Amino acid sequence: MQRRWQRQLMGRDQIRGVGALGNRLRRLTCFDRLDEAHAFLELFAQASNQSRAAFRRRWAQASGHILRFGWYEHTGEELAFGAKLAWRNHARCLGRLYWDNLIVRDRRNVSTPEGIFADLCDHLALAQGDGRVRSVISIYPSARDNEPSSYVESPQVIQYAGYLGSDGQVTGDRRSVEFTRVVKALGWHGPHDPGPFDILPVLMRDGAGHRRLFNLPDGLVREVAIRHPEFPDLNDLGLRWYAIPLISDMILSIGGIEYPCAPFNGFYMCTEIASRNLADRTRYNLLPDVARCFGQSSYVSDVFWRDKALTELNRAMLESFEAAGVTMLDHHTATDQFMQFLSREGSAGRPVSADWAWIVPPQASASCEVFHLETTDLRTVPNFYRNRSTDGSDLRPFRGHQPRSSLRRFFERARRQMSHAGR
């Protein structure tokens, strides 16, 4: 009887997806799912001042559903709370000071690629508003057995194309070269005269894993022309960038339930575009051209030409967004806000998860206080991840140095028994 019960639970080891999605989702045992669900629902009960009796009723309902079907459904309040915690816990995000102000759109009733795309257009309109960017997440159905999920395959809803010429030169974003090749093979023709800032279509997969392309409506995407107040030669480069970074290829994990389609946006920090997207050799690689606009050359003896060009390009980026009325932060303000976040979380008795390589700005790094921090990625759920093989497999509830509860000890014994039974 015990062996049969163990095999039954081992068989419910993962809510399976189709094709590429199934390969990305975390492989959670039934005990993992119970463990994460219990930890999350307990956090929610504490945050919402639920009575212990109310928590026990909710836990009995959720655990019973997991044991019977392999999943459970979050209430709207639980979903919103979990999405905010996922942002708060994500170690690679610098801008978490206002995590509790995240606008959560519960769109679990929208499941088709056509419906999701149309709804994402509404998301974009809400997020960019009049230029004052709002942090928004739209959450679509969770991954379940026998209910294949549609999801966005594009890394971002808005991204620029990259064209590889016969001479080996790239027009546009080098990071998008392969993606551009894929969407062209699927039928996207692009503009007659390809340029460096052509907006790509959104690539989605339906429940059967089939790819679908959707073109963003004209006028929906707001772009900002990059100009410098003192060096008009920069204007001749025709640089621009879109106002909203809408991330669409990350999986949201809340209480043992995976949401493979949960696009979210914040707002840009100037160095993300000026010091990385436009300057990186694997992206636009425009720093030598930019330097010449400022009267510098990459071939002169001044070893600081790159520093000067990056500083002026960041200045142009920040002032251009401000002139357009679009929200953007400089890296000094952003890191100061992170230190405020760190202080608030410490006052609340919560440890902060942070990945040093991601939260330290690429420009003037040592002058920012975060440069001198010792950080740890606690890999806490709820959280976001892209792939179980890279950043998803080590996610787990954080318990600090608290003594193990009887429930935790039960889970650990069960895992050991399952491990031995499977040999």
Protein backbone atom coordinates (compact mmCIF):
# COMPACT_ATOMS: atom_id res chain seq x y z
CA MET A 1 0.00 0.00 0.00
CA GLN A 2 2.77 2.44 0.93
CA ARG A 3 4.71 1.70 -2.27
CA ARG A 4 1.57 2.25 -4.36
CA TRP A 5 0.94 5.58 -2.61
CA GLN A 6 4.53 6.61 -3.22
CA ARG A 7 4.39 5.70 -6.90
CA GLN A 8 1.13 7.64 -7.26
CA LEU A 9 2.74 10.78 -5.86
CA MET A 10 5.91 10.28 -7.86
CA GLY A 11 3.81 10.07 -11.03
CA ARG A 12 2.43 13.56 -10.35
CA ASP A 13 5.87 15.08 -10.55
CA GLN A 14 5.22 17.93 -12.94
CA ILE A 15 2.44 19.87 -14.58
CA ARG A 16 3.48 19.07 -18.11
CA GLY A 17 3.67 21.50 -20.99
CA VAL A 18 3.94 21.03 -24.71
CA GLY A 19 7.32 20.96 -26.45
CA ALA A 20 9.54 23.91 -25.63
CA LEU A 21 7.42 25.01 -22.67
CA GLY A 22 7.54 21.58 -21.07
CA ASN A 23 11.31 21.69 -21.24
CA ARG A 24 11.40 25.04 -19.42
CA LEU A 25 8.98 24.40 -16.54
CA ARG A 26 10.35 23.34 -13.17
CA ARG A 27 9.98 19.67 -12.30
CA LEU A 28 8.12 19.77 -9.03
CA THR A 29 7.15 16.64 -7.14
CA CYS A 30 3.81 16.57 -5.40
CA PHE A 31 5.65 17.15 -2.13
CA ASP A 32 7.48 20.17 -3.60
CA ARG A 33 4.17 21.62 -4.68
CA LEU A 34 2.62 21.02 -1.26
CA ASP A 35 5.65 22.54 0.43
CA GLU A 36 5.61 25.71 -1.68
CA ALA A 37 1.83 26.03 -1.45
CA HIS A 38 1.90 25.78 2.35
CA ALA A 39 4.70 28.35 2.66
CA PHE A 40 2.94 30.79 0.33
CA LEU A 41 -0.53 30.45 1.81
CA GLU A 42 0.93 30.95 5.27
CA LEU A 43 2.62 34.18 4.10
CA PHE A 44 -0.64 35.34 2.56
CA ALA A 45 -2.56 34.55 5.74
CA GLN A 46 -0.11 36.59 7.81
CA ALA A 47 -0.16 39.53 5.39
CA SER A 48 -3.97 39.58 5.22
CA ASN A 49 -4.46 39.04 8.98
CA GLN A 50 -6.34 35.79 8.51
CA SER A 51 -7.23 33.79 11.57
CA ARG A 52 -5.44 30.50 12.11
CA ALA A 53 -8.71 28.68 11.55
CA ALA A 54 -9.19 30.41 8.17
CA PHE A 55 -5.66 29.48 7.15
CA ARG A 56 -6.21 25.83 8.09
CA ARG A 57 -9.40 25.71 6.01
CA ARG A 58 -7.64 27.23 3.00
CA TRP A 59 -4.67 24.89 3.38
CA ALA A 60 -6.94 21.85 3.62
CA GLN A 61 -8.72 22.94 0.45
CA ALA A 62 -5.50 23.62 -1.50
CA SER A 63 -3.62 20.52 -0.33
CA GLY A 64 -6.61 18.30 -1.06
CA HIS A 65 -6.78 19.66 -4.59
CA ILE A 66 -3.05 19.14 -5.11
CA LEU A 67 -3.21 15.55 -3.89
CA ARG A 68 -6.20 14.80 -6.12
CA PHE A 69 -5.45 16.79 -9.28
CA GLY A 70 -1.82 17.95 -8.98
CA TRP A 71 -2.67 21.67 -8.78
CA TYR A 72 -4.90 24.22 -7.04
CA GLU A 73 -6.28 27.61 -8.05
CA HIS A 74 -5.28 30.90 -6.46
CA THR A 75 -7.90 33.42 -5.48
CA GLY A 76 -7.58 36.86 -7.07
CA GLU A 77 -6.16 38.28 -3.84
CA GLU A 78 -3.61 35.46 -3.56
CA LEU A 79 -2.57 35.96 -7.18
CA ALA A 80 -1.99 39.69 -6.72
CA PHE A 81 -0.06 39.14 -3.49
CA GLY A 82 2.07 36.41 -5.09
CA ALA A 83 2.94 38.53 -8.13
CA LYS A 84 4.10 41.37 -5.89
CA LEU A 85 6.19 38.97 -3.79
CA ALA A 86 7.75 37.56 -6.96
CA TRP A 87 8.91 41.06 -7.90
CA ARG A 88 10.13 41.73 -4.37
CA ASN A 89 12.08 38.46 -4.33
CA HIS A 90 13.67 38.72 -7.78
CA ALA A 91 17.38 39.10 -7.16
CA ARG A 92 18.21 40.60 -10.56
CA CYS A 93 15.93 43.62 -10.29
CA LEU A 94 17.32 46.90 -8.98
CA GLY A 95 14.04 48.83 -8.95
CA ARG A 96 12.02 47.08 -6.24
CA LEU A 97 11.31 49.99 -3.93
CA TYR A 98 7.69 50.25 -5.07
CA TRP A 99 6.99 46.51 -5.39
CA ASP A 100 3.73 46.83 -3.47
CA ASN A 101 2.37 49.30 -6.06
CA LEU A 102 2.50 46.76 -8.89
CA ILE A 103 -0.73 46.76 -10.91
CA VAL A 104 -1.81 43.12 -11.24
CA ARG A 105 -4.17 42.22 -14.07
CA ASP A 106 -5.81 38.85 -13.45
CA ARG A 107 -6.37 37.64 -17.00
CA ARG A 108 -6.68 33.90 -16.35
CA ASN A 109 -9.93 33.87 -18.33
CA VAL A 110 -7.99 34.73 -21.54
CA SER A 111 -6.32 31.67 -23.05
CA THR A 112 -6.10 31.90 -26.85
CA PRO A 113 -3.14 33.54 -28.63
CA GLU A 114 -5.50 36.05 -30.27
CA GLY A 115 -7.07 36.94 -26.94
CA ILE A 116 -3.74 37.23 -25.13
CA PHE A 117 -2.24 39.45 -27.84
CA ALA A 118 -5.24 41.80 -27.87
CA ASP A 119 -5.09 41.98 -24.09
CA LEU A 120 -1.35 42.73 -24.16
CA CYS A 121 -2.09 45.72 -26.38
CA ASP A 122 -4.37 46.95 -23.60
CA HIS A 123 -1.55 46.28 -21.12
CA LEU A 124 0.80 48.48 -23.16
CA ALA A 125 -1.73 51.30 -23.36
CA LEU A 126 -2.29 51.16 -19.59
CA ALA A 127 1.42 50.96 -18.75
CA GLN A 128 2.58 53.89 -20.86
CA GLY A 129 -0.46 56.07 -20.27
CA ASP A 130 0.49 59.70 -20.76
CA GLY A 131 4.19 58.89 -20.43
CA ARG A 132 4.30 58.32 -16.69
CA VAL A 133 5.06 54.63 -16.85
CA ARG A 134 3.13 52.33 -14.52
CA SER A 135 4.51 48.95 -13.38
CA VAL A 136 1.99 46.37 -14.61
CA ILE A 137 1.79 42.57 -14.86
CA SER A 138 -0.81 40.58 -16.82
CA ILE A 139 -1.24 36.97 -15.69
CA TYR A 140 -2.77 34.37 -17.99
CA PRO A 141 -3.75 30.73 -17.25
CA SER A 142 -1.42 28.49 -15.25
CA ALA A 143 0.18 25.34 -16.64
CA ARG A 144 -1.89 22.22 -15.95
CA ASP A 145 -2.15 18.66 -17.22
CA ASN A 146 -4.54 18.25 -20.15
CA GLU A 147 -4.88 22.03 -20.47
CA PRO A 148 -2.01 23.18 -22.75
CA SER A 149 -1.02 26.81 -22.32
CA SER A 150 -0.59 29.59 -24.84
CA TYR A 151 2.35 31.85 -24.11
CA VAL A 152 4.57 34.58 -25.56
CA GLU A 153 7.85 33.31 -26.99
CA SER A 154 9.27 36.78 -27.74
CA PRO A 155 11.73 37.87 -25.02
CA GLN A 156 10.00 41.26 -24.99
CA VAL A 157 6.70 42.29 -26.53
CA ILE A 158 8.51 45.24 -28.16
CA GLN A 159 11.93 44.61 -29.69
CA TYR A 160 13.93 45.76 -32.68
CA ALA A 161 15.01 43.59 -35.60
CA GLY A 162 18.54 42.60 -36.52
CA TYR A 163 19.44 41.91 -40.17
CA LEU A 164 22.58 40.00 -41.10
CA GLY A 165 23.89 41.14 -44.48
CA SER A 166 25.78 39.07 -47.05
CA ASP A 167 28.94 40.97 -46.06
CA GLY A 168 28.60 39.87 -42.45
CA GLN A 169 27.52 43.32 -41.26
CA VAL A 170 24.45 43.67 -39.04
CA THR A 171 21.79 46.34 -39.36
CA GLY A 172 19.87 46.77 -36.12
CA ASP A 173 20.12 44.77 -32.91
CA ARG A 174 22.65 41.94 -33.05
CA ARG A 175 20.84 40.09 -30.28
CA SER A 176 17.75 39.86 -32.51
CA VAL A 177 19.43 38.42 -35.60
CA GLU A 178 18.33 34.83 -34.99
CA PHE A 179 14.87 35.87 -33.80
CA THR A 180 14.46 38.01 -36.92
CA ARG A 181 15.45 35.05 -39.09
CA VAL A 182 12.81 32.90 -37.34
CA VAL A 183 9.93 35.36 -37.79
CA LYS A 184 10.89 35.95 -41.42
CA ALA A 185 10.78 32.19 -41.98
CA LEU A 186 7.29 32.23 -40.43
CA GLY A 187 6.09 34.83 -42.92
CA TRP A 188 7.07 38.27 -41.59
CA HIS A 189 8.28 40.44 -44.46
CA GLY A 190 9.37 43.53 -42.58
CA PRO A 191 9.69 46.98 -44.16
CA HIS A 192 10.74 47.35 -47.79
CA ASP A 193 13.83 49.26 -46.71
CA PRO A 194 15.12 47.58 -43.51
CA GLY A 195 16.48 49.93 -40.88
CA PRO A 196 18.14 49.74 -37.47
CA PHE A 197 14.93 50.30 -35.47
CA ASP A 198 12.27 48.13 -37.10
CA ILE A 199 9.75 46.77 -34.60
CA LEU A 200 9.41 43.00 -34.75
CA PRO A 201 6.09 41.12 -34.54
CA VAL A 202 5.15 39.30 -31.34
CA LEU A 203 5.82 35.55 -31.54
CA MET A 204 3.44 33.33 -29.59
CA ARG A 205 2.79 29.61 -29.23
CA ASP A 206 -0.68 28.17 -28.89
CA GLY A 207 -1.67 25.23 -26.71
CA ALA A 208 -0.46 22.74 -29.30
CA GLY A 209 2.95 24.40 -29.52
CA HIS A 210 2.31 25.99 -32.93
CA ARG A 211 3.89 29.39 -33.53
CA ARG A 212 1.78 32.43 -34.33
CA LEU A 213 2.85 35.96 -35.35
CA PHE A 214 1.06 39.17 -34.38
CA ASN A 215 1.95 42.68 -35.54
CA LEU A 216 1.66 45.47 -33.00
CA PRO A 217 -0.89 48.09 -34.16
CA ASP A 218 0.42 51.31 -35.67
CA GLY A 219 0.62 54.07 -33.10
CA LEU A 220 0.57 51.77 -30.06
CA VAL A 221 4.32 51.65 -29.47
CA ARG A 222 5.69 54.91 -28.13
CA GLU A 223 9.30 55.63 -29.12
CA VAL A 224 11.61 58.40 -27.97
CA ALA A 225 14.06 60.09 -30.35
CA ILE A 226 17.48 60.45 -28.72
CA ARG A 227 18.94 63.96 -28.99
CA HIS A 228 21.75 65.81 -27.26
CA PRO A 229 21.28 69.45 -26.19
CA GLU A 230 24.87 70.45 -27.04
CA PHE A 231 26.01 68.03 -29.77
CA PRO A 232 23.54 68.15 -32.69
CA ASP A 233 25.63 65.65 -34.66
CA LEU A 234 24.16 62.92 -32.44
CA ASN A 235 20.73 63.74 -33.82
CA ASP A 236 21.93 62.74 -37.30
CA LEU A 237 22.39 59.13 -36.14
CA GLY A 238 18.61 58.82 -35.86
CA LEU A 239 18.76 56.97 -32.54
CA ARG A 240 15.56 56.10 -30.74
CA TRP A 241 14.18 53.59 -28.24
CA TYR A 242 10.77 52.37 -27.10
CA ALA A 243 9.33 53.68 -23.85
CA ILE A 244 8.17 50.41 -22.25
CA PRO A 245 10.32 47.32 -21.53
CA LEU A 246 7.57 44.66 -21.47
CA ILE A 247 9.28 41.39 -20.48
CA SER A 248 7.37 38.40 -21.81
CA ASP A 249 9.54 35.26 -21.66
CA MET A 250 9.68 34.69 -17.89
CA ILE A 251 7.64 32.14 -15.95
CA LEU A 252 5.92 33.31 -12.78
CA SER A 253 5.99 30.79 -9.91
CA ILE A 254 3.60 31.30 -6.99
CA GLY A 255 3.00 28.72 -4.27
CA GLY A 256 3.89 25.71 -6.43
CA ILE A 257 1.83 26.90 -9.42
CA GLU A 258 3.57 28.00 -12.63
CA TYR A 259 2.25 30.77 -14.88
CA PRO A 260 4.10 30.50 -18.22
CA CYS A 261 2.51 33.66 -19.62
CA ALA A 262 2.83 36.59 -17.24
CA PRO A 263 4.31 39.59 -19.12
CA PHE A 264 5.31 42.52 -16.91
CA ASN A 265 6.91 45.93 -17.25
CA GLY A 266 8.66 48.53 -15.18
CA PHE A 267 10.44 51.59 -16.56
CA TYR A 268 13.93 52.09 -17.92
CA MET A 269 17.10 53.20 -16.20
CA CYS A 270 19.16 55.26 -18.66
CA THR A 271 22.21 52.96 -18.51
CA GLU A 272 20.13 49.98 -19.65
CA ILE A 273 19.78 51.59 -23.07
CA ALA A 274 22.77 53.95 -23.37
CA SER A 275 25.50 51.88 -21.68
CA ARG A 276 24.27 48.46 -22.78
CA ASN A 277 21.73 48.21 -25.60
CA LEU A 278 23.29 50.87 -27.83
CA ALA A 279 26.91 50.45 -26.75
CA ASP A 280 27.48 46.69 -26.29
CA ARG A 281 29.40 45.04 -29.11
CA THR A 282 26.85 42.22 -29.10
CA ARG A 283 23.99 44.72 -29.48
CA TYR A 284 24.16 47.95 -31.55
CA ASN A 285 27.89 48.60 -31.03
CA LEU A 286 27.43 52.33 -31.65
CA LEU A 287 29.96 53.75 -29.21
CA PRO A 288 32.61 54.68 -31.84
CA ASP A 289 29.95 56.47 -33.93
CA VAL A 290 28.61 58.22 -30.85
CA ALA A 291 32.10 59.31 -29.81
CA ARG A 292 32.69 60.94 -33.19
CA CYS A 293 29.49 62.93 -32.74
CA PHE A 294 31.03 64.35 -29.59
CA GLY A 295 34.24 65.30 -31.37
CA GLN A 296 36.13 62.23 -30.17
CA SER A 297 37.63 59.28 -31.99
CA SER A 298 38.24 55.71 -31.00
CA TYR A 299 41.68 55.97 -32.54
CA VAL A 300 43.08 58.87 -30.52
CA SER A 301 45.38 58.37 -27.57
CA ASP A 302 42.78 59.39 -24.99
CA VAL A 303 42.09 56.14 -23.16
CA PHE A 304 38.96 57.68 -21.62
CA TRP A 305 37.12 58.30 -24.90
CA ARG A 306 34.70 55.48 -24.14
CA ASP A 307 33.92 56.88 -20.67
CA LYS A 308 33.26 60.35 -22.07
CA ALA A 309 31.07 59.02 -24.88
CA LEU A 310 29.06 56.81 -22.51
CA THR A 311 28.49 59.69 -20.09
CA GLU A 312 27.23 62.01 -22.84
CA LEU A 313 25.07 59.28 -24.37
CA ASN A 314 23.48 58.63 -20.97
CA ARG A 315 22.88 62.34 -20.60
CA ALA A 316 21.23 62.47 -24.02
CA MET A 317 19.10 59.42 -23.17
CA LEU A 318 17.88 60.80 -19.85
CA GLU A 319 17.15 64.30 -21.15
CA SER A 320 15.37 62.94 -24.26
CA PHE A 321 13.02 60.79 -22.18
CA GLU A 322 12.39 63.69 -19.80
CA ALA A 323 11.63 66.01 -22.71
CA ALA A 324 9.17 63.44 -24.09
CA GLY A 325 7.49 63.13 -20.70
CA VAL A 326 8.37 59.43 -20.40
CA THR A 327 9.46 57.98 -17.06
CA MET A 328 13.17 57.13 -16.80
CA LEU A 329 15.64 57.03 -13.90
CA ASP A 330 19.34 57.75 -13.83
CA HIS A 331 21.50 55.06 -12.25
CA HIS A 332 22.38 57.15 -9.19
CA THR A 333 18.74 57.74 -8.28
CA ALA A 334 17.92 54.08 -8.99
CA THR A 335 20.64 52.78 -6.69
CA ASP A 336 19.66 55.25 -3.97
CA GLN A 337 16.13 53.87 -4.21
CA PHE A 338 17.46 50.33 -3.90
CA MET A 339 19.23 51.30 -0.67
CA GLN A 340 15.88 52.64 0.60
CA PHE A 341 14.30 49.32 -0.36
CA LEU A 342 17.05 47.50 1.51
CA SER A 343 16.42 49.61 4.61
CA ARG A 344 12.64 49.13 4.49
CA GLU A 345 12.93 45.39 4.10
CA GLY A 346 15.42 45.22 6.95
CA SER A 347 13.06 47.18 9.18
CA ALA A 348 10.32 44.67 8.33
CA GLY A 349 12.62 41.78 9.26
CA ARG A 350 12.85 40.47 5.71
CA PRO A 351 16.18 39.52 4.09
CA VAL A 352 16.80 40.93 0.61
CA SER A 353 17.79 38.68 -2.25
CA ALA A 354 20.14 40.36 -4.73
CA ASP A 355 22.49 39.35 -7.53
CA TRP A 356 25.43 41.75 -7.41
CA ALA A 357 26.27 41.49 -11.11
CA TRP A 358 22.73 42.58 -12.03
CA ILE A 359 22.02 45.33 -9.51
CA VAL A 360 25.30 47.24 -9.96
CA PRO A 361 24.94 49.73 -12.85
CA PRO A 362 27.37 49.43 -15.79
CA GLN A 363 28.18 53.15 -15.56
CA ALA A 364 30.00 54.85 -12.63
CA SER A 365 29.60 51.60 -10.68
CA ALA A 366 31.94 52.30 -7.76
CA SER A 367 30.28 55.67 -7.09
CA CYS A 368 26.98 53.87 -6.39
CA GLU A 369 26.45 52.54 -2.88
CA VAL A 370 25.24 49.15 -4.12
CA PHE A 371 28.73 48.48 -5.50
CA HIS A 372 29.99 48.01 -1.94
CA LEU A 373 27.26 45.61 -0.82
CA GLU A 374 27.72 41.93 -0.15
CA THR A 375 24.71 40.29 -1.75
CA THR A 376 23.17 36.82 -1.90
CA ASP A 377 20.62 35.40 -4.29
CA LEU A 378 18.31 33.54 -1.93
CA ARG A 379 16.36 32.04 -4.86
CA THR A 380 13.11 32.51 -2.99
CA VAL A 381 9.64 31.69 -4.29
CA PRO A 382 7.38 33.35 -5.36
CA ASN A 383 9.70 34.46 -8.16
CA PHE A 384 10.27 34.70 -11.90
CA TYR A 385 12.52 32.43 -13.94
CA ARG A 386 13.25 31.74 -17.60
CA ASN A 387 14.24 28.10 -17.63
CA ARG A 388 14.56 25.36 -15.05
CA SER A 389 18.03 24.51 -16.36
CA THR A 390 19.38 28.03 -15.76
CA ASP A 391 17.57 29.97 -13.05
CA GLY A 392 14.55 27.88 -12.06
CA SER A 393 15.76 24.61 -10.59
CA ASP A 394 17.07 26.06 -7.29
CA LEU A 395 14.01 28.15 -6.40
CA ARG A 396 12.55 27.26 -2.99
CA PRO A 397 10.68 28.76 -0.03
CA PHE A 398 12.93 30.80 2.25
CA ARG A 399 12.85 29.87 5.92
CA GLY A 400 16.05 31.48 7.16
CA HIS A 401 17.37 29.83 10.28
CA GLN A 402 13.99 28.92 11.68
CA PRO A 403 13.64 25.44 13.22
CA ARG A 404 12.10 22.91 10.88
CA SER A 405 8.39 22.49 11.38
CA SER A 406 6.77 19.08 11.68
CA LEU A 407 5.33 19.60 8.19
CA ARG A 408 8.81 20.35 6.82
CA ARG A 409 10.24 17.24 8.48
CA PHE A 410 7.39 15.21 6.97
CA PHE A 411 8.20 16.50 3.46
CA GLU A 412 11.88 15.68 3.88
CA ARG A 413 11.12 12.13 5.09
CA ALA A 414 8.72 11.63 2.20
CA ARG A 415 11.33 12.78 -0.32
CA ARG A 416 13.87 10.34 1.07
CA GLN A 417 11.32 7.52 0.89
CA MET A 418 10.44 8.41 -2.70
CA SER A 419 14.09 8.55 -3.61
CA HIS A 420 14.73 5.06 -2.24
CA ALA A 421 11.53 3.68 -3.81
CA GLY A 422 12.58 4.97 -7.23
CA ARG A 423 15.90 3.14 -7.26
